[in-house]
PDB file of N, CA and C in Angstrom:
ATOM      1  N   MET A   1      13.985  11.112   9.179  1.00  0.00           N
ATOM      2  CA  MET A   1      13.920  10.064   8.179  1.00  0.00           C
ATOM      3  C   MET A   1      13.096   8.900   8.731  1.00  0.00           C
ATOM      4  N   LYS A   2      12.181   8.439   7.927  1.00  0.00           N
ATOM      5  CA  LYS A   2      11.309   7.339   8.326  1.00  0.00           C
ATOM      6  C   LYS A   2      12.045   6.007   8.207  1.00  0.00           C
ATOM      7  N   THR A   3      11.769   5.107   9.134  1.00  0.00           N
ATOM      8  CA  THR A   3      12.287   3.746   9.039  1.00  0.00           C
ATOM      9  C   THR A   3      11.128   2.790   9.280  1.00  0.00           C
ATOM     10  N   GLY A   4      11.230   1.589   8.747  1.00  0.00           N
ATOM     11  CA  GLY A   4      10.190   0.591   8.956  1.00  0.00           C
ATOM     12  C   GLY A   4       9.207   0.529   7.813  1.00  0.00           C
ATOM     13  N   ILE A   5       7.949   0.260   8.141  1.00  0.00           N
ATOM     14  CA  ILE A   5       6.930   0.021   7.127  1.00  0.00           C
ATOM     15  C   ILE A   5       6.310   1.331   6.639  1.00  0.00           C
ATOM     16  N   ARG A   6       6.084   1.408   5.318  1.00  0.00           N
ATOM     17  CA  ARG A   6       5.427   2.571   4.717  1.00  0.00           C
ATOM     18  C   ARG A   6       3.927   2.330   4.661  1.00  0.00           C
ATOM     19  N   LYS A   7       3.146   3.396   4.819  1.00  0.00           N
ATOM     20  CA  LYS A   7       1.689   3.300   4.731  1.00  0.00           C
ATOM     21  C   LYS A   7       1.292   3.328   3.252  1.00  0.00           C
ATOM     22  N   PRO A   8       0.533   2.347   2.760  1.00  0.00           N
ATOM     23  CA  PRO A   8       0.165   2.327   1.348  1.00  0.00           C
ATOM     24  C   PRO A   8      -0.806   3.444   0.994  1.00  0.00           C
ATOM     25  N   ASN A   9      -0.647   4.006  -0.208  1.00  0.00           N
ATOM     26  CA  ASN A   9      -1.522   5.053  -0.701  1.00  0.00           C
ATOM     27  C   ASN A   9      -2.196   4.538  -1.968  1.00  0.00           C
ATOM     28  N   LEU A  10      -3.482   4.221  -1.882  1.00  0.00           N
ATOM     29  CA  LEU A  10      -4.213   3.637  -2.994  1.00  0.00           C
ATOM     30  C   LEU A  10      -4.273   4.578  -4.204  1.00  0.00           C
ATOM     31  N   LYS A  11      -4.467   5.870  -3.954  1.00  0.00           N
ATOM     32  CA  LYS A  11      -4.578   6.849  -5.038  1.00  0.00           C
ATOM     33  C   LYS A  11      -3.292   6.909  -5.866  1.00  0.00           C
ATOM     34  N   LYS A  12      -2.141   6.958  -5.193  1.00  0.00           N
ATOM     35  CA  LYS A  12      -0.855   7.006  -5.895  1.00  0.00           C
ATOM     36  C   LYS A  12      -0.564   5.692  -6.610  1.00  0.00           C
ATOM     37  N   SER A  13      -0.987   4.584  -6.009  1.00  0.00           N
ATOM     38  CA  SER A  13      -0.775   3.276  -6.618  1.00  0.00           C
ATOM     39  C   SER A  13      -1.545   3.153  -7.927  1.00  0.00           C
ATOM     40  N   ILE A  14      -2.789   3.604  -7.924  1.00  0.00           N
ATOM     41  CA  ILE A  14      -3.618   3.554  -9.140  1.00  0.00           C
ATOM     42  C   ILE A  14      -3.036   4.474 -10.204  1.00  0.00           C
ATOM     43  N   LYS A  15      -2.594   5.654  -9.809  1.00  0.00           N
ATOM     44  CA  LYS A  15      -2.008   6.614 -10.743  1.00  0.00           C
ATOM     45  C   LYS A  15      -0.761   6.033 -11.412  1.00  0.00           C
ATOM     46  N   ALA A  16       0.066   5.351 -10.643  1.00  0.00           N
ATOM     47  CA  ALA A  16       1.290   4.758 -11.173  1.00  0.00           C
ATOM     48  C   ALA A  16       0.982   3.637 -12.170  1.00  0.00           C
ATOM     49  N   HIS A  17      -0.058   2.873 -11.903  1.00  0.00           N
ATOM     50  CA  HIS A  17      -0.397   1.755 -12.774  1.00  0.00           C
ATOM     51  C   HIS A  17      -1.131   2.187 -14.038  1.00  0.00           C
ATOM     52  N   THR A  18      -1.752   3.368 -14.037  1.00  0.00           N
ATOM     53  CA  THR A  18      -2.542   3.799 -15.186  1.00  0.00           C
ATOM     54  C   THR A  18      -1.859   4.866 -16.026  1.00  0.00           C
ATOM     55  N   THR A  19      -0.678   5.329 -15.624  1.00  0.00           N
ATOM     56  CA  THR A  19       0.046   6.292 -16.445  1.00  0.00           C
ATOM     57  C   THR A  19       0.464   5.589 -17.729  1.00  0.00           C
ATOM     58  N   GLY A  20       0.081   6.192 -18.847  1.00  0.00           N
ATOM     59  CA  GLY A  20       0.199   5.506 -20.126  1.00  0.00           C
ATOM     60  C   GLY A  20       1.599   5.363 -20.671  1.00  0.00           C
ATOM     61  N   LYS A  21       1.750   4.334 -21.487  1.00  0.00           N
ATOM     62  CA  LYS A  21       3.003   4.061 -22.178  1.00  0.00           C
ATOM     63  C   LYS A  21       3.297   5.193 -23.163  1.00  0.00           C
ATOM     64  N   LEU A  22       2.254   5.729 -23.801  1.00  0.00           N
ATOM     65  CA  LEU A  22       2.403   6.809 -24.768  1.00  0.00           C
ATOM     66  C   LEU A  22       3.005   8.051 -24.116  1.00  0.00           C
ATOM     67  N   LYS A  23       2.544   8.377 -22.905  1.00  0.00           N
ATOM     68  CA  LYS A  23       3.046   9.546 -22.185  1.00  0.00           C
ATOM     69  C   LYS A  23       4.545   9.411 -21.922  1.00  0.00           C
ATOM     70  N   ARG A  24       4.981   8.206 -21.526  1.00  0.00           N
ATOM     71  CA  ARG A  24       6.407   7.965 -21.290  1.00  0.00           C
ATOM     72  C   ARG A  24       7.210   8.062 -22.577  1.00  0.00           C
ATOM     73  N   GLN A  25       6.651   7.566 -23.682  1.00  0.00           N
ATOM     74  CA  GLN A  25       7.342   7.634 -24.967  1.00  0.00           C
ATOM     75  C   GLN A  25       7.519   9.078 -25.431  1.00  0.00           C
ATOM     76  N   VAL A  26       6.497   9.912 -25.219  1.00  0.00           N
ATOM     77  CA  VAL A  26       6.578  11.324 -25.600  1.00  0.00           C
ATOM     78  C   VAL A  26       7.641  12.026 -24.768  1.00  0.00           C
ATOM     79  N   LYS A  27       7.637  11.796 -23.455  1.00  0.00           N
ATOM     80  CA  LYS A  27       8.633  12.423 -22.588  1.00  0.00           C
ATOM     81  C   LYS A  27      10.043  11.989 -22.968  1.00  0.00           C
ATOM     82  N   LYS A  28      10.207  10.708 -23.305  1.00  0.00           N
ATOM     83  CA  LYS A  28      11.519  10.187 -23.676  1.00  0.00           C
ATOM     84  C   LYS A  28      12.028  10.841 -24.962  1.00  0.00           C
ATOM     85  N   ALA A  29      11.100  11.135 -25.883  1.00  0.00           N
ATOM     86  CA  ALA A  29      11.463  11.771 -27.149  1.00  0.00           C
ATOM     87  C   ALA A  29      11.801  13.253 -26.965  1.00  0.00           C
ATOM     88  N   VAL A  30      11.129  13.926 -26.034  1.00  0.00           N
ATOM     89  CA  VAL A  30      11.282  15.370 -25.853  1.00  0.00           C
ATOM     90  C   VAL A  30      12.391  15.726 -24.866  1.00  0.00           C
ATOM     91  N   ILE A  31      12.458  14.995 -23.743  1.00  0.00           N
ATOM     92  CA  ILE A  31      13.401  15.334 -22.673  1.00  0.00           C
ATOM     93  C   ILE A  31      14.630  14.433 -22.771  1.00  0.00           C
ATOM     94  N   PRO A  32      15.810  15.020 -23.055  1.00  0.00           N
ATOM     95  CA  PRO A  32      17.005  14.174 -23.116  1.00  0.00           C
ATOM     96  C   PRO A  32      17.360  13.636 -21.732  1.00  0.00           C
ATOM     97  N   GLY A  33      17.632  12.345 -21.657  1.00  0.00           N
ATOM     98  CA  GLY A  33      17.989  11.722 -20.382  1.00  0.00           C
ATOM     99  C   GLY A  33      16.807  11.235 -19.579  1.00  0.00           C
ATOM    100  N   TYR A  34      15.570  11.434 -20.076  1.00  0.00           N
ATOM    101  CA  TYR A  34      14.393  10.973 -19.337  1.00  0.00           C
ATOM    102  C   TYR A  34      14.384   9.447 -19.281  1.00  0.00           C
ATOM    103  N   GLY A  35      14.250   8.903 -18.078  1.00  0.00           N
ATOM    104  CA  GLY A  35      14.173   7.462 -17.906  1.00  0.00           C
ATOM    105  C   GLY A  35      15.512   6.759 -17.876  1.00  0.00           C
ATOM    106  N   LYS A  36      16.576   7.508 -17.968  1.00  0.00           N
ATOM    107  CA  LYS A  36      17.902   6.901 -17.924  1.00  0.00           C
ATOM    108  C   LYS A  36      18.338   6.712 -16.475  1.00  0.00           C
ATOM    109  N   LYS A  37      19.037   5.628 -16.215  1.00  0.00           N
ATOM    110  CA  LYS A  37      19.504   5.312 -14.867  1.00  0.00           C
ATOM    111  C   LYS A  37      20.530   6.361 -14.408  1.00  0.00           C
ATOM    112  N   GLY A  38      20.367   6.840 -13.184  1.00  0.00           N
ATOM    113  CA  GLY A  38      21.319   7.777 -12.601  1.00  0.00           C
ATOM    114  C   GLY A  38      21.073   9.236 -12.914  1.00  0.00           C
ATOM    115  N   MET A  39      20.028   9.566 -13.658  1.00  0.00           N
ATOM    116  CA  MET A  39      19.769  10.961 -14.026  1.00  0.00           C
ATOM    117  C   MET A  39      19.308  11.790 -12.828  1.00  0.00           C
ATOM    118  N   GLY A  40      18.746  11.134 -11.812  1.00  0.00           N
ATOM    119  CA  GLY A  40      18.321  11.858 -10.619  1.00  0.00           C
ATOM    120  C   GLY A  40      19.493  12.486  -9.886  1.00  0.00           C
ATOM    121  N   TRP A  41      20.647  11.827  -9.909  1.00  0.00           N
ATOM    122  CA  TRP A  41      21.840  12.361  -9.249  1.00  0.00           C
ATOM    123  C   TRP A  41      22.317  13.628  -9.947  1.00  0.00           C
ATOM    124  N   ILE A  42      22.128  13.724 -11.254  1.00  0.00           N
ATOM    125  CA  ILE A  42      22.551  14.904 -12.007  1.00  0.00           C
ATOM    126  C   ILE A  42      21.546  16.042 -11.819  1.00  0.00           C
ATOM    127  N   LYS A  43      20.261  15.698 -11.886  1.00  0.00           N
ATOM    128  CA  LYS A  43      19.188  16.701 -11.815  1.00  0.00           C
ATOM    129  C   LYS A  43      19.035  17.294 -10.414  1.00  0.00           C
ATOM    130  N   ASN A  44      18.992  16.425  -9.387  1.00  0.00           N
ATOM    131  CA  ASN A  44      18.792  16.893  -8.014  1.00  0.00           C
ATOM    132  C   ASN A  44      19.485  15.931  -7.052  1.00  0.00           C
ATOM    133  N   PRO A  45      20.801  16.131  -6.792  1.00  0.00           N
ATOM    134  CA  PRO A  45      21.545  15.185  -5.977  1.00  0.00           C
ATOM    135  C   PRO A  45      21.049  15.064  -4.531  1.00  0.00           C
ATOM    136  N   LYS A  46      20.540  16.149  -3.959  1.00  0.00           N
ATOM    137  CA  LYS A  46      20.052  16.109  -2.574  1.00  0.00           C
ATOM    138  C   LYS A  46      18.838  15.182  -2.463  1.00  0.00           C
ATOM    139  N   LYS A  47      17.907  15.323  -3.397  1.00  0.00           N
ATOM    140  CA  LYS A  47      16.707  14.491  -3.410  1.00  0.00           C
ATOM    141  C   LYS A  47      17.063  13.028  -3.707  1.00  0.00           C
ATOM    142  N   ALA A  48      18.006  12.806  -4.618  1.00  0.00           N
ATOM    143  CA  ALA A  48      18.423  11.446  -4.969  1.00  0.00           C
ATOM    144  C   ALA A  48      19.056  10.750  -3.770  1.00  0.00           C
ATOM    145  N   ALA A  49      19.869  11.465  -3.000  1.00  0.00           N
ATOM    146  CA  ALA A  49      20.499  10.886  -1.813  1.00  0.00           C
ATOM    147  C   ALA A  49      19.440  10.539  -0.766  1.00  0.00           C
ATOM    148  N   TYR A  50      18.484  11.439  -0.556  1.00  0.00           N
ATOM    149  CA  TYR A  50      17.395  11.193   0.397  1.00  0.00           C
ATOM    150  C   TYR A  50      16.603   9.954  -0.009  1.00  0.00           C
ATOM    151  N   ASN A  51      16.243   9.870  -1.294  1.00  0.00           N
ATOM    152  CA  ASN A  51      15.449   8.743  -1.777  1.00  0.00           C
ATOM    153  C   ASN A  51      16.195   7.422  -1.647  1.00  0.00           C
ATOM    154  N   LYS A  52      17.501   7.438  -1.873  1.00  0.00           N
ATOM    155  CA  LYS A  52      18.290   6.209  -1.760  1.00  0.00           C
ATOM    156  C   LYS A  52      18.262   5.683  -0.327  1.00  0.00           C
ATOM    157  N   VAL A  53      18.451   6.581   0.645  1.00  0.00           N
ATOM    158  CA  VAL A  53      18.423   6.181   2.051  1.00  0.00           C
ATOM    159  C   VAL A  53      17.015   5.750   2.452  1.00  0.00           C
ATOM    160  N   TYR A  54      16.002   6.514   2.033  1.00  0.00           N
ATOM    161  CA  TYR A  54      14.599   6.207   2.367  1.00  0.00           C
ATOM    162  C   TYR A  54      14.201   4.827   1.857  1.00  0.00           C
ATOM    163  N   ASN A  55      14.572   4.514   0.617  1.00  0.00           N
ATOM    164  CA  ASN A  55      14.198   3.234   0.031  1.00  0.00           C
ATOM    165  C   ASN A  55      14.939   2.062   0.664  1.00  0.00           C
ATOM    166  N   LYS A  56      16.102   2.310   1.256  1.00  0.00           N
ATOM    167  CA  LYS A  56      16.844   1.241   1.922  1.00  0.00           C
ATOM    168  C   LYS A  56      16.371   1.027   3.365  1.00  0.00           C
ATOM    169  N   THR A  57      15.788   2.058   4.000  1.00  0.00           N
ATOM    170  CA  THR A  57      15.399   1.946   5.405  1.00  0.00           C
ATOM    171  C   THR A  57      13.910   1.681   5.614  1.00  0.00           C
ATOM    172  N   THR A  58      13.104   1.732   4.542  1.00  0.00           N
ATOM    173  CA  THR A  58      11.672   1.469   4.674  1.00  0.00           C
ATOM    174  C   THR A  58      11.277   0.341   3.728  1.00  0.00           C
ATOM    175  N   PHE A  59      10.087  -0.232   3.981  1.00  0.00           N
ATOM    176  CA  PHE A  59       9.570  -1.263   3.081  1.00  0.00           C
ATOM    177  C   PHE A  59       8.061  -1.147   3.034  1.00  0.00           C
ATOM    178  N   SER A  60       7.500  -1.627   1.938  1.00  0.00           N
ATOM    179  CA  SER A  60       6.063  -1.576   1.731  1.00  0.00           C
ATOM    180  C   SER A  60       5.390  -2.784   2.369  1.00  0.00           C
ATOM    181  N   ILE A  61       4.119  -2.640   2.666  1.00  0.00           N
ATOM    182  CA  ILE A  61       3.350  -3.763   3.211  1.00  0.00           C
ATOM    183  C   ILE A  61       3.262  -4.882   2.179  1.00  0.00           C
ATOM    184  N   TRP A  62       3.312  -4.537   0.894  1.00  0.00           N
ATOM    185  CA  TRP A  62       3.228  -5.541  -0.167  1.00  0.00           C
ATOM    186  C   TRP A  62       4.492  -6.400  -0.216  1.00  0.00           C
ATOM    187  N   ASN A  63       5.616  -5.878   0.252  1.00  0.00           N
ATOM    188  CA  ASN A  63       6.848  -6.664   0.304  1.00  0.00           C
ATOM    189  C   ASN A  63       6.727  -7.828   1.279  1.00  0.00           C
ATOM    190  N   ILE A  64       5.928  -7.656   2.318  1.00  0.00           N
ATOM    191  CA  ILE A  64       5.718  -8.732   3.296  1.00  0.00           C
ATOM    192  C   ILE A  64       5.036  -9.912   2.615  1.00  0.00           C
ATOM    193  N   PHE A  65       4.056  -9.619   1.756  1.00  0.00           N
ATOM    194  CA  PHE A  65       3.338 -10.680   1.043  1.00  0.00           C
ATOM    195  C   PHE A  65       4.234 -11.380   0.028  1.00  0.00           C
ATOM    196  N   LYS A  66       5.189 -10.665  -0.563  1.00  0.00           N
ATOM    197  CA  LYS A  66       6.105 -11.251  -1.546  1.00  0.00           C
ATOM    198  C   LYS A  66       7.062 -12.252  -0.888  1.00  0.00           C
ATOM    199  N   ILE A  67       7.387 -12.023   0.370  1.00  0.00           N
ATOM    200  CA  ILE A  67       8.284 -12.918   1.094  1.00  0.00           C
ATOM    201  C   ILE A  67       7.656 -14.298   1.260  1.00  0.00           C
ATOM    202  N   PHE A  68       6.343 -14.335   1.512  1.00  0.00           N
ATOM    203  CA  PHE A  68       5.658 -15.592   1.780  1.00  0.00           C
ATOM    204  C   PHE A  68       5.275 -16.365   0.521  1.00  0.00           C
ATOM    205  N   LYS A  69       5.561 -15.821  -0.669  1.00  0.00           N
ATOM    206  CA  LYS A  69       5.237 -16.529  -1.915  1.00  0.00           C
ATOM    207  C   LYS A  69       6.167 -17.671  -2.156  1.00  0.00           C
TER     208      LYS A  69
END
């Protein structure tokens, strides 16, 4: 398990910012439970547990800049 600072990935960052609102609306209409809080624990509890620990033990370089604001 990684701890400390995460290395930024520009490609993934751009993809996350450009994924359309329409695409999310379609998925929400088709897939029951899409976008609902806690659905990851039902769908894949092992992955959800890993992600919870990972997100608590690592931080992004952008979080450092937010502290100084």
